[in-house]
Amino acid sequence: MTREELKSYVEGHFDGKLKSLDTGRYDPIFEIQPSDLITVAKALRDDESLKMDFLCNLGAVDTCEKLEVVYSVASTTKNLRLDFKFSLPYDNPEVDSIKEVWPGIDWYEREIWELYGINVRNHGNLKQFLLPDDWDQGNPMRKDWDAPDFIRMPEV
């Protein structure tokens, strides 16, 4: 399946829950609603034409106005790959855990919780593993983060 065929297939299925974006440079990228995360993840994994059985990555982006969460998934049997994302409010961001769909997401979900302050509901093991256990200086990947010993470099 080519990139365009994959994009068309996904747009035509999943009850319109995945909206295609034109920003994907190499792989198609789609936007979803945070409330549809578990449904979309299960559908992508279980669809016989896609079989998205591998979570490649989970990342977050601080845009200064909102937080974006981006998932990259692939099919090891169909040789397909796509990304999907959604936006969260800057204050009190929350997302559902999808460990039941892709168990390998455990550390990625802990990372976005620890570094961006995005609460991952139903994760069951949200504890720090990158920052010191006694860390109390906020979320260092947020653009508004500031700490007493942090020296901000000038924007270029």
C-alpha atoms as a PDB file:
ATOM      1  CA  MET A   1       0.000   0.000   0.000  1.00  0.00           C
ATOM      2  CA  THR A   2       1.473   3.371  -1.001  1.00  0.00           C
ATOM      3  CA  ARG A   3       1.415   6.456   1.174  1.00  0.00           C
ATOM      4  CA  GLU A   4      -1.546   7.860  -0.758  1.00  0.00           C
ATOM      5  CA  GLU A   5      -3.435   4.555  -0.635  1.00  0.00           C
ATOM      6  CA  LEU A   6      -2.858   4.380   3.115  1.00  0.00           C
ATOM      7  CA  LYS A   7      -4.085   7.940   3.546  1.00  0.00           C
ATOM      8  CA  SER A   8      -7.222   7.244   1.486  1.00  0.00           C
ATOM      9  CA  TYR A   9      -7.904   3.973   3.294  1.00  0.00           C
ATOM     10  CA  VAL A  10      -7.687   5.574   6.729  1.00  0.00           C
ATOM     11  CA  GLU A  11      -9.816   8.544   5.651  1.00  0.00           C
ATOM     12  CA  GLY A  12     -12.506   6.169   4.364  1.00  0.00           C
ATOM     13  CA  HIS A  13     -12.643   4.030   7.496  1.00  0.00           C
ATOM     14  CA  PHE A  14     -12.860   4.543  11.256  1.00  0.00           C
ATOM     15  CA  ASP A  15     -16.061   6.611  11.203  1.00  0.00           C
ATOM     16  CA  GLY A  16     -14.230   9.841  10.431  1.00  0.00           C
ATOM     17  CA  LYS A  17     -12.318   9.755  13.716  1.00  0.00           C
ATOM     18  CA  LEU A  18      -8.985  10.328  11.901  1.00  0.00           C
ATOM     19  CA  LYS A  19      -8.775  13.614  10.020  1.00  0.00           C
ATOM     20  CA  SER A  20      -5.912  13.785   7.523  1.00  0.00           C
ATOM     21  CA  LEU A  21      -3.412  16.614   7.860  1.00  0.00           C
ATOM     22  CA  ASP A  22      -1.141  17.806   5.080  1.00  0.00           C
ATOM     23  CA  THR A  23       1.835  18.236   7.409  1.00  0.00           C
ATOM     24  CA  GLY A  24       3.149  14.660   7.244  1.00  0.00           C
ATOM     25  CA  ARG A  25       6.398  14.844   5.309  1.00  0.00           C
ATOM     26  CA  TYR A  26       7.130  11.131   4.947  1.00  0.00           C
ATOM     27  CA  ASP A  27       4.257   9.262   6.554  1.00  0.00           C
ATOM     28  CA  PRO A  28       0.616  10.305   6.680  1.00  0.00           C
ATOM     29  CA  ILE A  29      -0.409  12.140   9.820  1.00  0.00           C
ATOM     30  CA  PHE A  30      -3.926  12.384  11.190  1.00  0.00           C
ATOM     31  CA  GLU A  31      -5.637  14.388  13.887  1.00  0.00           C
ATOM     32  CA  ILE A  32      -7.980  12.754  16.374  1.00  0.00           C
ATOM     33  CA  GLN A  33      -9.917  13.846  19.432  1.00  0.00           C
ATOM     34  CA  PRO A  34      -8.343  12.912  22.796  1.00  0.00           C
ATOM     35  CA  SER A  35     -11.589  11.195  23.786  1.00  0.00           C
ATOM     36  CA  ASP A  36     -11.208   8.821  20.799  1.00  0.00           C
ATOM     37  CA  LEU A  37      -7.659   7.723  21.636  1.00  0.00           C
ATOM     38  CA  ILE A  38      -8.388   4.220  22.940  1.00  0.00           C
ATOM     39  CA  THR A  39     -10.978   3.520  20.226  1.00  0.00           C
ATOM     40  CA  VAL A  40      -8.639   4.690  17.442  1.00  0.00           C
ATOM     41  CA  ALA A  41      -5.638   2.791  18.833  1.00  0.00           C
ATOM     42  CA  LYS A  42      -7.605  -0.482  19.036  1.00  0.00           C
ATOM     43  CA  ALA A  43      -9.086   0.056  15.566  1.00  0.00           C
ATOM     44  CA  LEU A  44      -5.675   0.656  13.982  1.00  0.00           C
ATOM     45  CA  ARG A  45      -4.247  -2.430  15.690  1.00  0.00           C
ATOM     46  CA  ASP A  46      -7.193  -4.705  14.878  1.00  0.00           C
ATOM     47  CA  ASP A  47      -7.947  -3.597  11.295  1.00  0.00           C
ATOM     48  CA  GLU A  48      -7.010  -6.520   9.008  1.00  0.00           C
ATOM     49  CA  SER A  49      -5.723  -4.237   6.242  1.00  0.00           C
ATOM     50  CA  LEU A  50      -3.462  -2.242   8.576  1.00  0.00           C
ATOM     51  CA  LYS A  51      -2.489  -4.401  11.577  1.00  0.00           C
ATOM     52  CA  MET A  52      -0.672  -1.536  13.338  1.00  0.00           C
ATOM     53  CA  ASP A  53       1.023  -3.810  15.862  1.00  0.00           C
ATOM     54  CA  PHE A  54       4.030  -1.681  16.789  1.00  0.00           C
ATOM     55  CA  LEU A  55       4.226   1.627  18.612  1.00  0.00           C
ATOM     56  CA  CYS A  56       7.285   3.434  17.227  1.00  0.00           C
ATOM     57  CA  ASN A  57       7.154   6.538  19.367  1.00  0.00           C
ATOM     58  CA  LEU A  58       5.095   8.840  21.533  1.00  0.00           C
ATOM     59  CA  GLY A  59       6.095  12.450  21.931  1.00  0.00           C
ATOM     60  CA  ALA A  60       4.741  15.762  23.093  1.00  0.00           C
ATOM     61  CA  VAL A  61       5.205  19.302  21.832  1.00  0.00           C
ATOM     62  CA  ASP A  62       4.683  22.548  23.719  1.00  0.00           C
ATOM     63  CA  THR A  63       3.421  25.229  21.327  1.00  0.00           C
ATOM     64  CA  CYS A  64       3.145  27.848  24.130  1.00  0.00           C
ATOM     65  CA  GLU A  65      -0.631  27.849  23.647  1.00  0.00           C
ATOM     66  CA  LYS A  66      -1.360  24.139  23.956  1.00  0.00           C
ATOM     67  CA  LEU A  67       0.317  20.769  24.206  1.00  0.00           C
ATOM     68  CA  GLU A  68       0.263  18.341  21.292  1.00  0.00           C
ATOM     69  CA  VAL A  69       0.680  14.603  21.766  1.00  0.00           C
ATOM     70  CA  VAL A  70       1.945  12.647  18.743  1.00  0.00           C
ATOM     71  CA  TYR A  71       1.829   8.857  18.302  1.00  0.00           C
ATOM     72  CA  SER A  72       3.790   7.015  15.605  1.00  0.00           C
ATOM     73  CA  VAL A  73       2.631   3.478  14.855  1.00  0.00           C
ATOM     74  CA  ALA A  74       3.612   0.840  12.328  1.00  0.00           C
ATOM     75  CA  SER A  75       2.667  -2.547  11.001  1.00  0.00           C
ATOM     76  CA  THR A  76       5.490  -5.071  11.059  1.00  0.00           C
ATOM     77  CA  THR A  77       3.568  -7.436   8.780  1.00  0.00           C
ATOM     78  CA  LYS A  78       2.178  -4.928   6.259  1.00  0.00           C
ATOM     79  CA  ASN A  79       5.188  -2.557   6.215  1.00  0.00           C
ATOM     80  CA  LEU A  80       3.011   0.499   6.911  1.00  0.00           C
ATOM     81  CA  ARG A  81       3.534   3.508   9.151  1.00  0.00           C
ATOM     82  CA  LEU A  82       1.439   6.498  10.169  1.00  0.00           C
ATOM     83  CA  ASP A  83       1.228   9.171  12.837  1.00  0.00           C
ATOM     84  CA  PHE A  84      -1.718  10.623  14.685  1.00  0.00           C
ATOM     85  CA  LYS A  85      -1.950  13.471  17.138  1.00  0.00           C
ATOM     86  CA  PHE A  86      -4.259  15.606  19.219  1.00  0.00           C
ATOM     87  CA  SER A  87      -4.090  18.816  21.216  1.00  0.00           C
ATOM     88  CA  LEU A  88      -4.544  19.247  24.942  1.00  0.00           C
ATOM     89  CA  PRO A  89      -5.113  22.402  26.954  1.00  0.00           C
ATOM     90  CA  TYR A  90      -2.041  23.899  28.563  1.00  0.00           C
ATOM     91  CA  ASP A  91      -3.608  23.776  32.023  1.00  0.00           C
ATOM     92  CA  ASN A  92      -4.344  20.337  33.522  1.00  0.00           C
ATOM     93  CA  PRO A  93      -3.705  18.236  30.385  1.00  0.00           C
ATOM     94  CA  GLU A  94      -4.867  14.622  30.621  1.00  0.00           C
ATOM     95  CA  VAL A  95      -4.797  11.642  28.303  1.00  0.00           C
ATOM     96  CA  ASP A  96      -5.853   8.000  28.637  1.00  0.00           C
ATOM     97  CA  SER A  97      -3.211   5.291  28.812  1.00  0.00           C
ATOM     98  CA  ILE A  98      -3.145   2.872  25.877  1.00  0.00           C
ATOM     99  CA  LYS A  99      -0.886   0.277  27.514  1.00  0.00           C
ATOM    100  CA  GLU A 100      -3.607  -2.307  26.882  1.00  0.00           C
ATOM    101  CA  VAL A 101      -3.212  -1.736  23.129  1.00  0.00           C
ATOM    102  CA  TRP A 102       0.571  -1.296  22.854  1.00  0.00           C
ATOM    103  CA  PRO A 103       2.271  -2.360  26.125  1.00  0.00           C
ATOM    104  CA  GLY A 104       5.579  -0.861  24.994  1.00  0.00           C
ATOM    105  CA  ILE A 105       4.152   2.630  25.510  1.00  0.00           C
ATOM    106  CA  ASP A 106       4.737   2.402  29.280  1.00  0.00           C
ATOM    107  CA  TRP A 107       7.931   4.474  29.424  1.00  0.00           C
ATOM    108  CA  TYR A 108       6.755   6.941  26.771  1.00  0.00           C
ATOM    109  CA  GLU A 109       3.652   7.731  28.816  1.00  0.00           C
ATOM    110  CA  ARG A 110       5.776   8.133  31.935  1.00  0.00           C
ATOM    111  CA  GLU A 111       8.073  10.463  30.011  1.00  0.00           C
ATOM    112  CA  ILE A 112       5.294  12.843  28.875  1.00  0.00           C
ATOM    113  CA  TRP A 113       3.933  12.840  32.426  1.00  0.00           C
ATOM    114  CA  GLU A 114       7.320  13.594  33.957  1.00  0.00           C
ATOM    115  CA  LEU A 115       8.693  16.114  31.451  1.00  0.00           C
ATOM    116  CA  TYR A 116       5.510  17.846  30.211  1.00  0.00           C
ATOM    117  CA  GLY A 117       3.116  17.382  33.121  1.00  0.00           C
ATOM    118  CA  ILE A 118       0.538  15.527  31.042  1.00  0.00           C
ATOM    119  CA  ASN A 119      -1.434  13.262  33.373  1.00  0.00           C
ATOM    120  CA  VAL A 120      -1.881   9.761  31.956  1.00  0.00           C
ATOM    121  CA  ARG A 121      -5.106   8.298  33.337  1.00  0.00           C
ATOM    122  CA  ASN A 122      -5.152   4.587  34.235  1.00  0.00           C
ATOM    123  CA  HIS A 123      -1.417   4.159  33.715  1.00  0.00           C
ATOM    124  CA  GLY A 124      -0.873   2.568  37.107  1.00  0.00           C
ATOM    125  CA  ASN A 125       2.861   3.271  37.392  1.00  0.00           C
ATOM    126  CA  LEU A 126       3.464   6.991  36.962  1.00  0.00           C
ATOM    127  CA  LYS A 127       6.732   7.536  38.748  1.00  0.00           C
ATOM    128  CA  GLN A 128       9.832   9.449  37.805  1.00  0.00           C
ATOM    129  CA  PHE A 129      12.645   7.715  35.992  1.00  0.00           C
ATOM    130  CA  LEU A 130      14.461  10.551  34.200  1.00  0.00           C
ATOM    131  CA  LEU A 131      14.551  13.260  36.847  1.00  0.00           C
ATOM    132  CA  PRO A 132      15.757  12.868  40.436  1.00  0.00           C
ATOM    133  CA  ASP A 133      13.258  11.350  42.877  1.00  0.00           C
ATOM    134  CA  ASP A 134      13.096  14.586  44.869  1.00  0.00           C
ATOM    135  CA  TRP A 135      12.525  16.797  41.780  1.00  0.00           C
ATOM    136  CA  ASP A 136      10.166  19.659  42.572  1.00  0.00           C
ATOM    137  CA  GLN A 137      11.072  22.229  39.910  1.00  0.00           C
ATOM    138  CA  GLY A 138       8.227  21.643  37.465  1.00  0.00           C
ATOM    139  CA  ASN A 139       8.186  20.179  33.969  1.00  0.00           C
ATOM    140  CA  PRO A 140      11.458  20.948  32.150  1.00  0.00           C
ATOM    141  CA  MET A 141      10.203  20.363  28.581  1.00  0.00           C
ATOM    142  CA  ARG A 142       7.574  23.084  28.841  1.00  0.00           C
ATOM    143  CA  LYS A 143       8.577  26.329  27.205  1.00  0.00           C
ATOM    144  CA  ASP A 144       7.549  28.367  30.246  1.00  0.00           C
ATOM    145  CA  TRP A 145       9.706  26.256  32.560  1.00  0.00           C
ATOM    146  CA  ASP A 146      12.111  28.143  34.711  1.00  0.00           C
ATOM    147  CA  ALA A 147      14.277  26.997  37.582  1.00  0.00           C
ATOM    148  CA  PRO A 148      16.704  28.814  39.855  1.00  0.00           C
ATOM    149  CA  ASP A 149      19.792  27.323  38.203  1.00  0.00           C
ATOM    150  CA  PHE A 150      18.473  27.359  34.618  1.00  0.00           C
ATOM    151  CA  ILE A 151      20.117  29.766  32.182  1.00  0.00           C
ATOM    152  CA  ARG A 152      17.915  30.469  29.176  1.00  0.00           C
ATOM    153  CA  MET A 153      19.841  30.865  25.944  1.00  0.00           C
ATOM    154  CA  PRO A 154      18.816  33.713  23.610  1.00  0.00           C
ATOM    155  CA  GLU A 155      16.462  32.841  20.756  1.00  0.00           C
ATOM    156  CA  VAL A 156      18.213  32.886  17.383  1.00  0.00           C
END
